[in-house]
C-alpha atoms as a PDB file:
ATOM      1  CA  MET A   1       6.670  11.020 -24.035  1.00  0.00           C
ATOM      2  CA  GLY A   2       6.792   7.340 -23.718  1.00  0.00           C
ATOM      3  CA  LEU A   3       9.157   5.920 -20.847  1.00  0.00           C
ATOM      4  CA  GLU A   4      12.128   7.774 -21.936  1.00  0.00           C
ATOM      5  CA  GLY A   5      14.088   8.691 -18.718  1.00  0.00           C
ATOM      6  CA  ILE A   6      11.883   6.720 -16.552  1.00  0.00           C
ATOM      7  CA  LYS A   7      13.520   4.570 -14.363  1.00  0.00           C
ATOM      8  CA  LEU A   8      10.779   3.426 -11.824  1.00  0.00           C
ATOM      9  CA  ILE A   9       6.950   3.102 -12.088  1.00  0.00           C
ATOM     10  CA  ALA A  10       5.170   2.483  -8.559  1.00  0.00           C
ATOM     11  CA  CYS A  11       1.437   0.969  -8.648  1.00  0.00           C
ATOM     12  CA  ASP A  12      -1.219   0.692  -6.166  1.00  0.00           C
ATOM     13  CA  LEU A  13      -3.264  -2.540  -6.223  1.00  0.00           C
ATOM     14  CA  ASP A  14      -6.922  -2.265  -4.845  1.00  0.00           C
ATOM     15  CA  GLY A  15      -9.136  -0.142  -7.294  1.00  0.00           C
ATOM     16  CA  THR A  16      -5.829   0.594  -9.411  1.00  0.00           C
ATOM     17  CA  LEU A  17      -3.976  -2.224 -10.881  1.00  0.00           C
ATOM     18  CA  LEU A  18      -6.932  -4.801  -9.084  1.00  0.00           C
ATOM     19  CA  HIS A  19     -10.281  -3.732 -10.446  1.00  0.00           C
ATOM     20  CA  PRO A  20     -12.588  -3.651  -8.063  1.00  0.00           C
ATOM     21  CA  GLY A  21     -13.553  -7.084  -7.114  1.00  0.00           C
ATOM     22  CA  GLU A  22     -10.688  -8.978  -8.753  1.00  0.00           C
ATOM     23  CA  ARG A  23      -8.207 -10.939  -6.783  1.00  0.00           C
ATOM     24  CA  GLU A  24      -5.521 -11.765  -9.154  1.00  0.00           C
ATOM     25  CA  LEU A  25      -3.819  -9.768 -11.758  1.00  0.00           C
ATOM     26  CA  ARG A  26      -4.336 -10.327 -15.443  1.00  0.00           C
ATOM     27  CA  SER A  27      -1.708 -11.918 -17.560  1.00  0.00           C
ATOM     28  CA  GLU A  28      -1.322  -8.741 -19.603  1.00  0.00           C
ATOM     29  CA  ALA A  29      -0.145  -7.024 -16.470  1.00  0.00           C
ATOM     30  CA  PHE A  30       2.941  -9.772 -16.265  1.00  0.00           C
ATOM     31  CA  GLU A  31       3.896  -9.411 -19.671  1.00  0.00           C
ATOM     32  CA  LEU A  32       4.514  -5.091 -19.780  1.00  0.00           C
ATOM     33  CA  ILE A  33       6.106  -5.908 -16.412  1.00  0.00           C
ATOM     34  CA  ASP A  34       8.553  -8.532 -18.094  1.00  0.00           C
ATOM     35  CA  GLU A  35       8.730  -5.827 -20.715  1.00  0.00           C
ATOM     36  CA  LEU A  36       9.262  -2.914 -18.601  1.00  0.00           C
ATOM     37  CA  HIS A  37      11.847  -5.229 -16.397  1.00  0.00           C
ATOM     38  CA  ARG A  38      13.917  -5.880 -20.135  1.00  0.00           C
ATOM     39  CA  ARG A  39      13.943  -2.423 -19.941  1.00  0.00           C
ATOM     40  CA  GLY A  40      15.802  -1.895 -16.990  1.00  0.00           C
ATOM     41  CA  ILE A  41      12.863   0.098 -15.260  1.00  0.00           C
ATOM     42  CA  VAL A  42      11.672  -0.934 -11.768  1.00  0.00           C
ATOM     43  CA  PHE A  43       8.323  -1.744 -11.092  1.00  0.00           C
ATOM     44  CA  MET A  44       7.364  -1.297  -7.525  1.00  0.00           C
ATOM     45  CA  PRO A  45       3.560  -2.695  -6.143  1.00  0.00           C
ATOM     46  CA  ALA A  46       2.894   0.046  -4.074  1.00  0.00           C
ATOM     47  CA  SER A  47      -0.041  -1.167  -1.468  1.00  0.00           C
ATOM     48  CA  GLY A  48      -1.294  -1.207   1.808  1.00  0.00           C
ATOM     49  CA  ARG A  49      -0.725  -4.858   1.694  1.00  0.00           C
ATOM     50  CA  GLN A  50       1.727  -7.137   3.164  1.00  0.00           C
ATOM     51  CA  TYR A  51       5.060  -8.555   1.353  1.00  0.00           C
ATOM     52  CA  ALA A  52       4.221 -12.092   1.634  1.00  0.00           C
ATOM     53  CA  SER A  53       0.404 -11.421   0.217  1.00  0.00           C
ATOM     54  CA  LEU A  54       2.260  -9.031  -2.402  1.00  0.00           C
ATOM     55  CA  ARG A  55       5.114 -11.969  -3.624  1.00  0.00           C
ATOM     56  CA  TYR A  56       2.377 -14.118  -3.688  1.00  0.00           C
ATOM     57  CA  LEU A  57       0.047 -11.831  -5.946  1.00  0.00           C
ATOM     58  CA  PHE A  58       3.052 -10.891  -8.096  1.00  0.00           C
ATOM     59  CA  ALA A  59       3.853 -15.079  -8.077  1.00  0.00           C
ATOM     60  CA  PRO A  60       5.298 -14.833 -12.346  1.00  0.00           C
ATOM     61  CA  VAL A  61       7.437 -11.992 -11.922  1.00  0.00           C
ATOM     62  CA  ALA A  62       7.989 -11.471  -7.821  1.00  0.00           C
ATOM     63  CA  ASP A  63      12.163 -11.637  -8.215  1.00  0.00           C
ATOM     64  CA  GLU A  64      11.769  -9.116 -10.621  1.00  0.00           C
ATOM     65  CA  LEU A  65      10.478  -6.315  -8.568  1.00  0.00           C
ATOM     66  CA  ALA A  66      10.735  -3.921  -5.389  1.00  0.00           C
ATOM     67  CA  TYR A  67       7.819  -3.580  -2.906  1.00  0.00           C
ATOM     68  CA  VAL A  68       6.398  -0.337  -1.209  1.00  0.00           C
ATOM     69  CA  CYS A  69       4.051  -2.212   1.426  1.00  0.00           C
ATOM     70  CA  GLU A  70       2.325  -1.827   4.398  1.00  0.00           C
ATOM     71  CA  ASN A  71       1.280   2.056   2.640  1.00  0.00           C
ATOM     72  CA  GLY A  72       5.064   2.796   2.830  1.00  0.00           C
ATOM     73  CA  THR A  73       6.008   2.064   6.115  1.00  0.00           C
ATOM     74  CA  LEU A  74       8.419  -0.581   4.299  1.00  0.00           C
ATOM     75  CA  VAL A  75       9.983  -1.085   1.387  1.00  0.00           C
ATOM     76  CA  MET A  76      12.018  -4.716   0.371  1.00  0.00           C
ATOM     77  CA  SER A  77      14.435  -4.839  -2.618  1.00  0.00           C
ATOM     78  CA  GLU A  78      16.090  -8.413  -3.200  1.00  0.00           C
ATOM     79  CA  GLY A  79      14.534 -10.138  -0.206  1.00  0.00           C
ATOM     80  CA  ARG A  80      15.486  -7.535   2.457  1.00  0.00           C
ATOM     81  CA  ALA A  81      14.092  -4.338   4.012  1.00  0.00           C
ATOM     82  CA  VAL A  82      15.623  -1.088   2.341  1.00  0.00           C
ATOM     83  CA  VAL A  83      13.187   1.360   3.842  1.00  0.00           C
ATOM     84  CA  LYS A  84      11.520   0.648   7.509  1.00  0.00           C
ATOM     85  CA  ARG A  85       9.735   2.687  10.055  1.00  0.00           C
ATOM     86  CA  SER A  86       8.049   2.018  12.887  1.00  0.00           C
ATOM     87  CA  MET A  87       5.802   3.343  15.280  1.00  0.00           C
ATOM     88  CA  GLU A  88       6.592   4.358  19.001  1.00  0.00           C
ATOM     89  CA  ARG A  89       5.510   1.302  21.099  1.00  0.00           C
ATOM     90  CA  SER A  90       3.504   2.959  23.786  1.00  0.00           C
ATOM     91  CA  LEU A  91       1.696   4.932  21.079  1.00  0.00           C
ATOM     92  CA  ALA A  92       1.082   1.805  19.249  1.00  0.00           C
ATOM     93  CA  MET A  93      -0.203  -0.072  22.063  1.00  0.00           C
ATOM     94  CA  VAL A  94      -2.873   2.479  22.482  1.00  0.00           C
ATOM     95  CA  ILE A  95      -4.075   2.968  19.534  1.00  0.00           C
ATOM     96  CA  ALA A  96      -4.347  -0.908  18.895  1.00  0.00           C
ATOM     97  CA  ASN A  97      -6.262  -1.453  22.381  1.00  0.00           C
ATOM     98  CA  THR A  98      -8.558   1.195  20.814  1.00  0.00           C
ATOM     99  CA  VAL A  99      -9.351  -0.575  17.855  1.00  0.00           C
ATOM    100  CA  VAL A 100     -10.012  -3.431  20.534  1.00  0.00           C
ATOM    101  CA  ALA A 101     -12.411  -1.745  22.075  1.00  0.00           C
ATOM    102  CA  TYR A 102     -14.180  -0.206  19.118  1.00  0.00           C
ATOM    103  CA  PRO A 103     -17.409  -2.046  18.108  1.00  0.00           C
ATOM    104  CA  HIS A 104     -17.455  -4.402  14.911  1.00  0.00           C
ATOM    105  CA  THR A 105     -13.794  -4.017  13.779  1.00  0.00           C
ATOM    106  CA  ASP A 106     -11.272  -6.247  13.088  1.00  0.00           C
ATOM    107  CA  MET A 107      -7.773  -5.320  13.192  1.00  0.00           C
ATOM    108  CA  THR A 108      -3.983  -6.135  11.919  1.00  0.00           C
ATOM    109  CA  LEU A 109      -0.927  -4.630  13.356  1.00  0.00           C
ATOM    110  CA  SER A 110       1.784  -5.136  10.407  1.00  0.00           C
ATOM    111  CA  CYS A 111       5.448  -5.857  11.563  1.00  0.00           C
ATOM    112  CA  GLU A 112       8.462  -6.844   9.334  1.00  0.00           C
ATOM    113  CA  GLY A 113       8.097 -10.640   9.913  1.00  0.00           C
ATOM    114  CA  HIS A 114       4.137 -11.143  10.304  1.00  0.00           C
ATOM    115  CA  ILE A 115       1.005  -9.348  10.689  1.00  0.00           C
ATOM    116  CA  TYR A 116      -0.834 -10.219  13.916  1.00  0.00           C
ATOM    117  CA  THR A 117      -4.371 -10.141  14.336  1.00  0.00           C
ATOM    118  CA  MET A 118      -6.659 -11.032  17.392  1.00  0.00           C
ATOM    119  CA  SER A 119      -7.786 -13.913  18.612  1.00  0.00           C
ATOM    120  CA  GLY A 120     -11.457 -15.027  18.276  1.00  0.00           C
ATOM    121  CA  ASN A 121     -12.500 -14.198  14.802  1.00  0.00           C
ATOM    122  CA  ASP A 122     -11.145 -17.570  12.689  1.00  0.00           C
ATOM    123  CA  ALA A 123     -13.374 -16.315   9.191  1.00  0.00           C
ATOM    124  CA  PHE A 124     -11.383 -13.060   9.493  1.00  0.00           C
ATOM    125  CA  VAL A 125      -8.363 -15.127  10.046  1.00  0.00           C
ATOM    126  CA  ASP A 126      -9.179 -17.616   7.573  1.00  0.00           C
ATOM    127  CA  HIS A 127      -9.431 -14.448   4.967  1.00  0.00           C
ATOM    128  CA  LEU A 128      -6.117 -13.070   5.709  1.00  0.00           C
ATOM    129  CA  ARG A 129      -4.250 -16.039   4.886  1.00  0.00           C
ATOM    130  CA  TYR A 130      -6.038 -17.855   2.190  1.00  0.00           C
ATOM    131  CA  VAL A 131      -7.728 -14.992   0.237  1.00  0.00           C
ATOM    132  CA  VAL A 132      -5.040 -12.421   0.970  1.00  0.00           C
ATOM    133  CA  HIS A 133      -2.442 -14.313   1.553  1.00  0.00           C
ATOM    134  CA  CYS A 134      -0.798 -13.177   4.431  1.00  0.00           C
ATOM    135  CA  ASP A 135       1.757 -14.484   6.717  1.00  0.00           C
ATOM    136  CA  VAL A 136      -0.377 -14.059  10.170  1.00  0.00           C
ATOM    137  CA  ALA A 137      -0.042 -14.980  13.579  1.00  0.00           C
ATOM    138  CA  VAL A 138      -2.536 -14.558  16.529  1.00  0.00           C
ATOM    139  CA  VAL A 139      -2.222 -13.024  19.696  1.00  0.00           C
ATOM    140  CA  ASP A 140      -4.659 -12.685  22.326  1.00  0.00           C
ATOM    141  CA  ARG A 141      -3.779  -8.938  22.817  1.00  0.00           C
ATOM    142  CA  PRO A 142      -1.394  -6.557  21.229  1.00  0.00           C
ATOM    143  CA  GLU A 143       0.857  -6.513  24.178  1.00  0.00           C
ATOM    144  CA  ASP A 144       2.076 -10.044  22.979  1.00  0.00           C
ATOM    145  CA  ILE A 145       3.745  -8.798  19.842  1.00  0.00           C
ATOM    146  CA  ASP A 146       7.214  -8.230  20.187  1.00  0.00           C
ATOM    147  CA  GLU A 147       8.077  -7.080  16.843  1.00  0.00           C
ATOM    148  CA  ASP A 148       8.376  -3.242  16.270  1.00  0.00           C
ATOM    149  CA  VAL A 149       4.873  -2.392  14.896  1.00  0.00           C
ATOM    150  CA  ILE A 150       5.204  -0.402  11.478  1.00  0.00           C
ATOM    151  CA  LYS A 151       1.119  -0.264  10.684  1.00  0.00           C
ATOM    152  CA  ILE A 152      -2.293  -0.499  12.345  1.00  0.00           C
ATOM    153  CA  GLY A 153      -5.077  -1.332  10.087  1.00  0.00           C
ATOM    154  CA  PHE A 154      -8.862  -2.136  10.630  1.00  0.00           C
ATOM    155  CA  GLN A 155     -11.645  -3.080   9.062  1.00  0.00           C
ATOM    156  CA  THR A 156     -15.179  -2.073   9.898  1.00  0.00           C
ATOM    157  CA  PRO A 157     -18.531  -2.840   7.919  1.00  0.00           C
ATOM    158  CA  GLU A 158     -18.969  -0.236   5.316  1.00  0.00           C
ATOM    159  CA  VAL A 159     -21.863   1.472   6.894  1.00  0.00           C
ATOM    160  CA  ASP A 160     -19.732   2.233   9.998  1.00  0.00           C
ATOM    161  CA  TYR A 161     -16.355   3.198   7.901  1.00  0.00           C
ATOM    162  CA  PRO A 162     -17.170   7.246   8.038  1.00  0.00           C
ATOM    163  CA  ALA A 163     -18.104   7.010  11.962  1.00  0.00           C
ATOM    164  CA  ALA A 164     -15.163   4.852  12.216  1.00  0.00           C
ATOM    165  CA  ARG A 165     -12.511   6.884  10.589  1.00  0.00           C
ATOM    166  CA  GLU A 166     -13.720  10.353  11.709  1.00  0.00           C
ATOM    167  CA  TYR A 167     -13.484   8.881  15.195  1.00  0.00           C
ATOM    168  CA  PHE A 168      -9.992   7.509  15.100  1.00  0.00           C
ATOM    169  CA  GLU A 169      -8.858  10.457  13.214  1.00  0.00           C
ATOM    170  CA  ARG A 170     -10.188  13.090  15.815  1.00  0.00           C
ATOM    171  CA  LEU A 171      -8.148  10.402  18.879  1.00  0.00           C
ATOM    172  CA  PHE A 172      -5.165  10.083  16.958  1.00  0.00           C
ATOM    173  CA  GLY A 173      -4.936  12.315  13.752  1.00  0.00           C
ATOM    174  CA  ASP A 174      -2.313  14.694  15.862  1.00  0.00           C
ATOM    175  CA  ARG A 175       0.343  12.040  16.424  1.00  0.00           C
ATOM    176  CA  VAL A 176      -0.572   9.376  12.945  1.00  0.00           C
ATOM    177  CA  ASP A 177      -1.544   9.520   9.322  1.00  0.00           C
ATOM    178  CA  VAL A 178      -4.983   8.419   9.514  1.00  0.00           C
ATOM    179  CA  MET A 179      -5.688   7.093   5.939  1.00  0.00           C
ATOM    180  CA  THR A 180      -8.437   5.227   3.562  1.00  0.00           C
ATOM    181  CA  SER A 181      -6.770   2.256   2.607  1.00  0.00           C
ATOM    182  CA  GLY A 182      -9.506  -0.338   0.480  1.00  0.00           C
ATOM    183  CA  THR A 183     -12.845  -0.395   1.323  1.00  0.00           C
ATOM    184  CA  ALA A 184     -13.698   0.027   4.602  1.00  0.00           C
ATOM    185  CA  TRP A 185     -10.489  -0.214   5.612  1.00  0.00           C
ATOM    186  CA  THR A 186      -8.473   2.271   8.237  1.00  0.00           C
ATOM    187  CA  ASP A 187      -4.735   2.434   8.090  1.00  0.00           C
ATOM    188  CA  LEU A 188      -2.869   4.356  11.104  1.00  0.00           C
ATOM    189  CA  ILE A 189       0.843   5.110  10.381  1.00  0.00           C
ATOM    190  CA  GLY A 190       3.835   7.573  11.870  1.00  0.00           C
ATOM    191  CA  PHE A 191       4.028  10.664  10.383  1.00  0.00           C
ATOM    192  CA  GLY A 192       5.899  10.808   6.902  1.00  0.00           C
ATOM    193  CA  SER A 193       6.113   7.240   6.752  1.00  0.00           C
ATOM    194  CA  GLY A 194       3.092   7.196   3.360  1.00  0.00           C
ATOM    195  CA  LYS A 195       4.354   5.695   0.190  1.00  0.00           C
ATOM    196  CA  GLY A 196       5.747   8.846  -1.022  1.00  0.00           C
ATOM    197  CA  SER A 197       7.992   8.777   1.301  1.00  0.00           C
ATOM    198  CA  ALA A 198       9.052   5.403   0.541  1.00  0.00           C
ATOM    199  CA  LEU A 199       9.726   6.140  -2.905  1.00  0.00           C
ATOM    200  CA  ALA A 200      11.704   9.227  -2.004  1.00  0.00           C
ATOM    201  CA  ASP A 201      13.989   7.378   0.225  1.00  0.00           C
ATOM    202  CA  TYR A 202      14.389   4.120  -2.160  1.00  0.00           C
ATOM    203  CA  GLY A 203      15.096   6.211  -5.006  1.00  0.00           C
ATOM    204  CA  ARG A 204      18.072   8.139  -2.927  1.00  0.00           C
ATOM    205  CA  VAL A 205      19.436   4.693  -2.682  1.00  0.00           C
ATOM    206  CA  LEU A 206      19.088   3.851  -6.244  1.00  0.00           C
ATOM    207  CA  GLY A 207      20.268   7.601  -7.329  1.00  0.00           C
ATOM    208  CA  ILE A 208      16.557   8.178  -8.714  1.00  0.00           C
ATOM    209  CA  SER A 209      15.125  11.154  -8.700  1.00  0.00           C
ATOM    210  CA  PRO A 210      11.569  11.875  -8.640  1.00  0.00           C
ATOM    211  CA  ASP A 211      11.382  13.069 -12.394  1.00  0.00           C
ATOM    212  CA  GLU A 212      12.583  10.176 -13.106  1.00  0.00           C
ATOM    213  CA  MET A 213       9.678   8.268 -11.331  1.00  0.00           C
ATOM    214  CA  MET A 214       5.827   7.478 -12.198  1.00  0.00           C
ATOM    215  CA  ALA A 215       3.013   6.530 -10.116  1.00  0.00           C
ATOM    216  CA  PHE A 216      -0.543   4.948 -10.467  1.00  0.00           C
ATOM    217  CA  GLY A 217      -3.019   5.469  -7.837  1.00  0.00           C
ATOM    218  CA  ASP A 218      -6.945   6.002  -6.926  1.00  0.00           C
ATOM    219  CA  ASN A 219      -7.191   6.588  -3.472  1.00  0.00           C
ATOM    220  CA  GLU A 220      -6.331   8.751  -0.395  1.00  0.00           C
ATOM    221  CA  ASN A 221      -3.295   6.426   0.517  1.00  0.00           C
ATOM    222  CA  ASP A 222      -1.715   7.340  -2.553  1.00  0.00           C
ATOM    223  CA  ARG A 223      -1.770  11.202  -2.400  1.00  0.00           C
ATOM    224  CA  ASP A 224       1.856  11.833  -0.933  1.00  0.00           C
ATOM    225  CA  MET A 225       3.309   9.074  -3.614  1.00  0.00           C
ATOM    226  CA  LEU A 226       1.272  10.985  -6.405  1.00  0.00           C
ATOM    227  CA  ASN A 227       2.444  14.437  -5.157  1.00  0.00           C
ATOM    228  CA  VAL A 228       6.206  13.162  -5.189  1.00  0.00           C
ATOM    229  CA  VAL A 229       6.952  11.819  -8.735  1.00  0.00           C
ATOM    230  CA  GLY A 230       7.321  13.484 -11.548  1.00  0.00           C
ATOM    231  CA  HIS A 231       4.612  11.508 -13.776  1.00  0.00           C
ATOM    232  CA  PRO A 232       1.533  11.104 -11.596  1.00  0.00           C
ATOM    233  CA  TYR A 233      -1.689   9.216 -12.872  1.00  0.00           C
ATOM    234  CA  LEU A 234      -5.102   9.121 -11.386  1.00  0.00           C
ATOM    235  CA  MET A 235      -7.591   5.761 -12.515  1.00  0.00           C
ATOM    236  CA  GLU A 236     -10.766   7.699 -14.010  1.00  0.00           C
ATOM    237  CA  SER A 237     -12.556   5.783 -11.357  1.00  0.00           C
ATOM    238  CA  CYS A 238     -10.711   7.362  -8.519  1.00  0.00           C
ATOM    239  CA  ASN A 239     -11.908   8.634  -5.302  1.00  0.00           C
ATOM    240  CA  PRO A 240     -13.322  11.889  -6.033  1.00  0.00           C
ATOM    241  CA  THR A 241     -11.428  13.701  -2.954  1.00  0.00           C
ATOM    242  CA  MET A 242      -8.365  12.901  -5.413  1.00  0.00           C
ATOM    243  CA  ARG A 243      -9.118  14.625  -8.650  1.00  0.00           C
ATOM    244  CA  GLY A 244      -7.162  17.593  -9.625  1.00  0.00           C
ATOM    245  CA  ILE A 245      -4.696  17.125  -6.359  1.00  0.00           C
ATOM    246  CA  ASN A 246      -1.681  18.489  -8.637  1.00  0.00           C
ATOM    247  CA  ASP A 247      -1.232  20.103 -12.215  1.00  0.00           C
ATOM    248  CA  ARG A 248       0.925  17.068 -13.423  1.00  0.00           C
ATOM    249  CA  VAL A 249      -1.493  14.122 -13.015  1.00  0.00           C
ATOM    250  CA  ARG A 250      -3.228  12.521 -15.616  1.00  0.00           C
ATOM    251  CA  TYR A 251      -6.249  10.179 -16.128  1.00  0.00           C
ATOM    252  CA  VAL A 252      -6.138   6.630 -17.239  1.00  0.00           C
ATOM    253  CA  HIS A 253      -8.935   3.862 -17.727  1.00  0.00           C
ATOM    254  CA  THR A 254      -6.645   1.018 -16.780  1.00  0.00           C
ATOM    255  CA  VAL A 255      -2.894   0.927 -15.961  1.00  0.00           C
ATOM    256  CA  GLU A 256      -2.231  -1.982 -18.408  1.00  0.00           C
ATOM    257  CA  GLU A 257      -3.731   0.057 -21.224  1.00  0.00           C
ATOM    258  CA  GLU A 258      -1.676   3.317 -20.187  1.00  0.00           C
ATOM    259  CA  LEU A 259       1.554   1.034 -20.177  1.00  0.00           C
ATOM    260  CA  ARG A 260       1.064  -0.565 -23.412  1.00  0.00           C
ATOM    261  CA  ARG A 261       0.640   2.734 -24.825  1.00  0.00           C
ATOM    262  CA  LEU A 262       4.037   4.339 -22.963  1.00  0.00           C
ATOM    263  CA  LEU A 263       6.080   1.201 -24.183  1.00  0.00           C
ATOM    264  CA  ALA A 264       4.719   1.465 -27.960  1.00  0.00           C
ATOM    265  CA  GLU A 265       5.911   5.286 -28.374  1.00  0.00           C
END
């Protein structure tokens, strides 16, 4: 089919465009994104990461992109928020303090301007600042944050992850979406705030229909995105729970390989 009729391509990062263990994009990815831009196709990283972190990662082409950030709760284009979905504050505070009380967790609270984390774990803060390249602010308690919270995320040791995920799903799954995001990370966002809703809203702003959208993903936090777009792709190495999510999905080895094939048709 090539790329005829495609106006927007959304792409997850960890486990999709970034292979396990990778921290930087391969040079071919930038070349392909440049070619898509020349053809008038919007390329959108769609990630649980913060806007500042995404711009750093895509620095050579950063101004050519629109961004689905924070698992869909924030869409940034040309330096401004086009879509933003905040959590109800009292619920955000209850969830955040429950995470604080849960053993062996490191938490982030995402807002439009910064992501916040709790004081006391300098190594985690350094990781966010100097490895993930986030704009981080440190507070003593969640109540010290005066911005709207759009997402709460926490990391656990991998061995503890299943129990932690089940615990927070049981406590809050009737009020927020609880999703897997990367290795041993759990994200909690407001209902209807995922990547799929973000793409649909942004598409309405630009006049782009789902049939004119393509998306690549690999994990549960990509499910609604891959169900919204007309042309969904899953990585062959995807989470087994994602296989067969709809009758349109195709499987690919790498994003670059598929984009190169589509651009050549």
